[in-house]
Protein backbone atom coordinates (compact mmCIF):
# COMPACT_ATOMS: atom_id res chain seq x y z
CA MET A 1 -30.00 -11.13 -28.14
CA SER A 2 -26.52 -11.45 -29.62
CA SER A 3 -27.32 -8.66 -32.10
CA PHE A 4 -28.50 -6.45 -29.24
CA LEU A 5 -25.34 -7.11 -27.22
CA LEU A 6 -23.22 -6.34 -30.26
CA ARG A 7 -24.96 -2.97 -30.69
CA VAL A 8 -24.44 -2.21 -26.99
CA CYS A 9 -20.75 -3.06 -27.24
CA LEU A 10 -20.35 -0.86 -30.31
CA MET A 11 -22.10 2.02 -28.56
CA MET A 12 -19.89 1.66 -25.47
CA THR A 13 -16.78 1.58 -27.65
CA ALA A 14 -17.89 4.72 -29.50
CA ILE A 15 -18.62 6.53 -26.23
CA GLY A 16 -15.27 5.47 -24.78
CA THR A 17 -13.41 6.58 -27.91
CA LEU A 18 -15.20 9.94 -27.89
CA ALA A 19 -14.38 10.52 -24.22
CA TYR A 20 -10.76 9.52 -24.77
CA SER A 21 -10.42 11.83 -27.78
CA LYS A 22 -12.05 14.71 -25.90
CA SER A 23 -9.69 14.36 -22.94
CA HIS A 24 -6.73 14.36 -25.32
CA SER A 25 -7.93 17.38 -27.29
CA THR A 26 -8.25 19.48 -24.11
CA ARG A 27 -4.98 18.28 -22.59
CA LYS A 28 -2.17 20.82 -22.64
CA PRO A 29 0.76 19.51 -24.72
CA ILE A 30 4.02 18.71 -22.96
CA GLY A 31 7.50 17.78 -24.15
CA THR A 32 7.96 20.66 -26.59
CA GLY A 33 11.67 21.13 -27.31
CA ILE A 34 12.64 17.81 -25.70
CA GLU A 35 14.87 15.64 -27.90
CA VAL A 36 15.45 11.94 -27.41
CA ASN A 37 18.68 10.40 -28.68
CA VAL A 38 18.34 6.70 -29.38
CA ARG A 39 20.87 3.87 -29.46
CA VAL A 40 19.65 0.47 -30.67
CA LEU A 41 21.22 -2.93 -30.14
CA TYR A 42 19.61 -6.02 -31.67
CA ASP A 43 20.37 -9.73 -31.62
CA ASP A 44 20.41 -12.36 -34.34
CA GLY A 45 16.73 -13.14 -33.94
CA VAL A 46 15.81 -9.67 -35.22
CA ALA A 47 18.14 -9.80 -38.23
CA PRO A 48 19.80 -13.23 -38.50
CA SER A 49 23.24 -13.28 -40.09
CA ALA A 50 26.42 -15.32 -39.85
CA SER A 51 28.48 -12.16 -39.41
CA TYR A 52 27.83 -8.82 -37.74
CA THR A 53 27.61 -6.07 -40.34
CA GLU A 54 25.81 -2.77 -40.66
CA ASP A 55 23.83 -4.04 -43.69
CA HIS A 56 21.63 -6.50 -41.84
CA ASN A 57 18.19 -6.47 -43.39
CA VAL A 58 14.71 -6.92 -42.01
CA GLY A 59 12.96 -8.40 -45.01
CA SER A 60 14.31 -6.39 -47.93
CA GLN A 61 14.93 -3.24 -45.87
CA PRO A 62 18.26 -2.25 -44.26
CA ILE A 63 17.87 -2.57 -40.52
CA GLY A 64 19.08 0.96 -39.79
CA LYS A 65 16.33 2.39 -41.97
CA LYS A 66 13.79 0.04 -40.39
CA PHE A 67 14.57 1.25 -36.87
CA GLU A 68 14.50 4.85 -38.05
CA GLU A 69 10.93 4.30 -39.25
CA ILE A 70 10.02 2.52 -36.01
CA PHE A 71 11.12 5.43 -33.86
CA GLN A 72 9.42 7.95 -36.11
CA LYS A 73 6.23 6.02 -35.39
CA VAL A 74 7.07 6.07 -31.67
CA GLN A 75 7.34 9.85 -31.93
CA GLU A 76 3.98 9.97 -33.72
CA LYS A 77 2.33 7.86 -31.00
CA PHE A 78 3.54 10.32 -28.37
CA LYS A 79 2.25 13.19 -30.49
CA GLN A 80 -1.18 11.56 -30.50
CA GLU A 81 -0.96 11.65 -26.69
CA ASN A 82 -0.03 15.38 -26.82
CA VAL A 83 3.57 14.62 -25.84
CA LEU A 84 5.49 16.64 -28.42
CA ILE A 85 8.98 15.18 -28.09
CA LYS A 86 11.39 14.81 -30.99
CA VAL A 87 13.01 11.40 -31.45
CA ASN A 88 16.25 11.66 -33.37
CA ALA A 89 17.37 9.03 -35.88
CA PRO A 90 18.76 6.07 -33.93
CA LYS A 91 22.30 4.75 -33.96
CA VAL A 92 21.85 1.06 -34.75
CA LYS A 93 24.34 -1.73 -34.06
CA PRO A 94 24.17 -5.53 -33.75
CA LEU A 95 24.67 -6.99 -30.29
CA LYS A 96 28.24 -8.24 -30.00
CA ASN A 97 28.46 -8.68 -26.23
CA LYS A 98 26.41 -11.82 -25.72
CA ASP A 99 26.84 -11.53 -21.93
CA ILE A 100 24.05 -8.95 -22.00
CA ARG A 101 21.58 -11.77 -22.61
CA VAL A 102 20.85 -13.45 -19.25
CA LEU A 103 18.76 -16.60 -19.51
CA LEU A 104 15.82 -17.26 -17.25
CA ASN A 105 16.63 -19.67 -14.43
CA GLY A 106 16.13 -23.21 -15.72
CA SER A 107 15.64 -22.11 -19.34
CA THR A 108 17.90 -22.49 -22.35
CA THR A 109 15.95 -20.09 -24.56
CA GLU A 110 14.05 -17.42 -22.58
CA LEU A 111 15.51 -14.22 -21.12
CA ASP A 112 15.42 -13.05 -17.52
CA GLY A 113 14.21 -9.51 -18.18
CA GLN A 114 15.52 -7.74 -15.08
CA ARG A 115 18.95 -9.34 -15.15
CA THR A 116 19.31 -8.70 -18.86
CA LEU A 117 18.36 -5.07 -18.25
CA LEU A 118 20.96 -4.74 -15.50
CA GLN A 119 23.61 -6.20 -17.81
CA LEU A 120 22.55 -3.79 -20.55
CA VAL A 121 22.92 -0.84 -18.16
CA LYS A 122 26.27 -2.10 -16.87
CA THR A 123 27.79 -2.58 -20.31
CA GLN A 124 26.41 0.62 -21.84
CA LYS A 125 27.29 3.14 -19.11
CA GLN A 126 30.58 4.00 -20.77
CA HIS A 127 28.85 4.68 -24.09
CA ILE A 128 26.19 7.04 -22.74
CA SER A 129 27.36 10.65 -22.78
CA ARG A 130 24.07 12.55 -22.83
CA LYS A 131 21.30 12.60 -20.25
CA ASN A 132 18.61 12.53 -22.97
CA GLU A 133 19.88 9.28 -24.48
CA ILE A 134 18.09 5.92 -24.27
CA VAL A 135 19.60 2.58 -25.25
CA TYR A 136 17.25 -0.18 -26.40
CA PHE A 137 18.07 -3.86 -26.80
CA PHE A 138 15.64 -5.51 -29.24
CA THR A 139 15.12 -9.25 -29.26
CA LYS A 140 12.61 -11.82 -30.45
CA THR A 141 13.49 -14.06 -27.52
CA GLY A 142 10.83 -14.31 -24.83
CA ILE A 143 11.32 -11.81 -21.99
CA PHE A 144 10.22 -12.83 -18.49
CA SER A 145 10.12 -11.35 -14.99
CA GLN A 146 11.16 -13.76 -12.28
CA GLY A 147 10.70 -12.70 -8.67
CA ARG A 148 12.80 -15.51 -7.16
CA GLU A 149 15.12 -18.15 -8.56
CA ASP A 150 12.62 -20.84 -7.51
CA ASP A 151 9.69 -18.94 -9.05
CA ASN A 152 7.85 -21.49 -11.18
CA LEU A 153 5.51 -18.93 -12.71
CA PRO A 154 7.62 -16.16 -14.26
CA ILE A 155 5.64 -13.47 -16.04
CA ARG A 156 6.04 -12.83 -19.76
CA ARG A 157 6.81 -9.19 -20.56
CA THR A 158 6.88 -7.10 -23.73
CA ASN A 159 9.57 -4.87 -22.23
CA VAL A 160 11.54 -4.11 -19.10
CA GLN A 161 13.02 -0.67 -18.54
CA THR A 162 14.68 1.77 -16.14
CA ARG A 163 11.58 3.65 -15.15
CA GLY A 164 11.77 7.42 -14.67
CA THR A 165 15.48 7.68 -15.50
CA PHE A 166 15.27 9.98 -18.53
CA CYS A 167 17.39 13.13 -18.12
CA SER A 168 18.80 11.90 -14.81
CA THR A 169 22.21 10.72 -13.61
CA ASN A 170 21.18 7.13 -14.33
CA VAL A 171 21.40 5.28 -17.62
CA SER A 172 18.06 5.06 -19.46
CA ALA A 173 17.66 1.63 -21.01
CA ALA A 174 15.09 -0.94 -22.09
CA VAL A 175 14.96 -4.56 -23.20
CA VAL A 176 12.19 -4.75 -25.79
CA MET A 177 10.43 -7.55 -27.60
CA TYR A 178 10.65 -7.03 -31.37
CA TYR A 179 7.18 -7.58 -32.82
CA GLU A 180 6.87 -7.66 -36.61
CA LYS A 181 3.26 -6.53 -36.89
CA GLU A 182 3.51 -3.29 -34.88
CA PRO A 183 7.20 -2.89 -34.00
CA GLU A 184 6.69 0.63 -32.63
CA ASP A 185 4.21 -0.43 -29.92
CA PHE A 186 6.54 -2.03 -27.37
CA PRO A 187 9.32 0.62 -27.58
CA PHE A 188 6.61 3.27 -27.13
CA ARG A 189 5.45 1.55 -23.96
CA ALA A 190 8.99 1.24 -22.61
CA THR A 191 9.74 4.89 -23.41
CA ALA A 192 6.61 6.14 -21.65
CA LEU A 193 7.74 4.40 -18.47
CA ILE A 194 11.30 5.72 -18.84
CA PHE A 195 9.75 9.19 -19.05
CA GLY A 196 8.11 8.52 -15.66
CA SER A 197 4.61 7.45 -16.65
CA THR A 198 2.90 4.86 -14.47
CA ARG A 199 1.16 3.41 -17.53
CA GLU A 200 2.44 1.98 -20.80
CA PHE A 201 -0.51 3.32 -22.83
CA SER A 202 -3.81 5.23 -22.39
CA LEU A 203 -1.90 7.82 -20.39
CA LYS A 204 -3.78 9.66 -17.64
CA SER A 205 -3.42 13.16 -16.20
CA GLU A 206 -1.12 11.99 -13.41
CA ASP A 207 1.15 10.38 -15.99
CA PHE A 208 1.40 13.71 -17.77
CA LYS A 209 2.47 15.33 -14.51
CA TYR A 210 5.16 12.72 -13.88
CA MET A 211 6.48 12.96 -17.44
CA ASN A 212 6.44 16.76 -17.34
CA ASP A 213 8.46 16.65 -14.11
CA THR A 214 10.94 14.39 -15.89
CA PHE A 215 11.19 16.70 -18.90
CA ALA A 216 11.89 19.64 -16.56
CA ARG A 217 15.14 17.90 -15.60
CA CYS A 218 16.32 17.99 -19.20
CA ASN A 219 16.79 21.76 -19.01
CA LYS A 220 18.81 21.58 -15.80
CA ASN A 221 22.53 21.04 -15.44
CA VAL A 222 22.43 17.35 -14.56
CA ASP A 223 25.67 15.40 -14.19
CA THR A 224 25.55 12.77 -16.94
CA GLU A 225 27.78 10.26 -15.17
CA SER A 226 25.66 7.15 -14.65
CA THR A 227 25.33 5.54 -11.25
CA ASP A 228 25.19 1.83 -10.59
CA GLU A 229 21.81 1.88 -8.93
CA GLN A 230 18.89 1.67 -11.33
CA ASN A 231 15.15 1.53 -10.85
CA ALA A 232 14.74 -1.59 -12.98
CA HIS A 233 11.25 -2.79 -13.91
């Protein structure tokens, strides 16, 4: 019986993969000509060091080069979804303003995702000069969503982001968990939502429409001055 169930599962997986590939192959590409400028901040957990320097390493690799490779893989993941954006090499700096990190209520180690995101937006507004720029804060600290201060069951998140803000008058930003095994996965998810998708992965036709509407803004004369109000998720 177990062998039979295994064969059924494999057949269902193959059928699902075939259907997914077929829908992608017939989907009209979007995002051609759209460039994404990336700014990266990271904390000590990503590249521990006693002093903040540009030569932090992840393993034996300079961290700037590491993040460049990560975002090239993010670009490739979008390409696999027929979203043909270009992600430019990121500007990478260590996090110096520790006030960006807002701890979860009652915790000494975990981050309150939404409040950290709001602090990131607040502190980075003056540094964002282009509407197609996204700032990412990478951390290995746990990221949680907490609905109320007395919420005893906060939800662990891989990222929180300003959804649908790309190429708008608002700052585009994300707080992202740095994951060693597949470090491109979580920034890809955050970026898809910043583009206006309703899903972090396995994008559907409606997500393509929302993202395409967002990309259409990039070619318009949008005032790049950021506003205080953000659609934080």
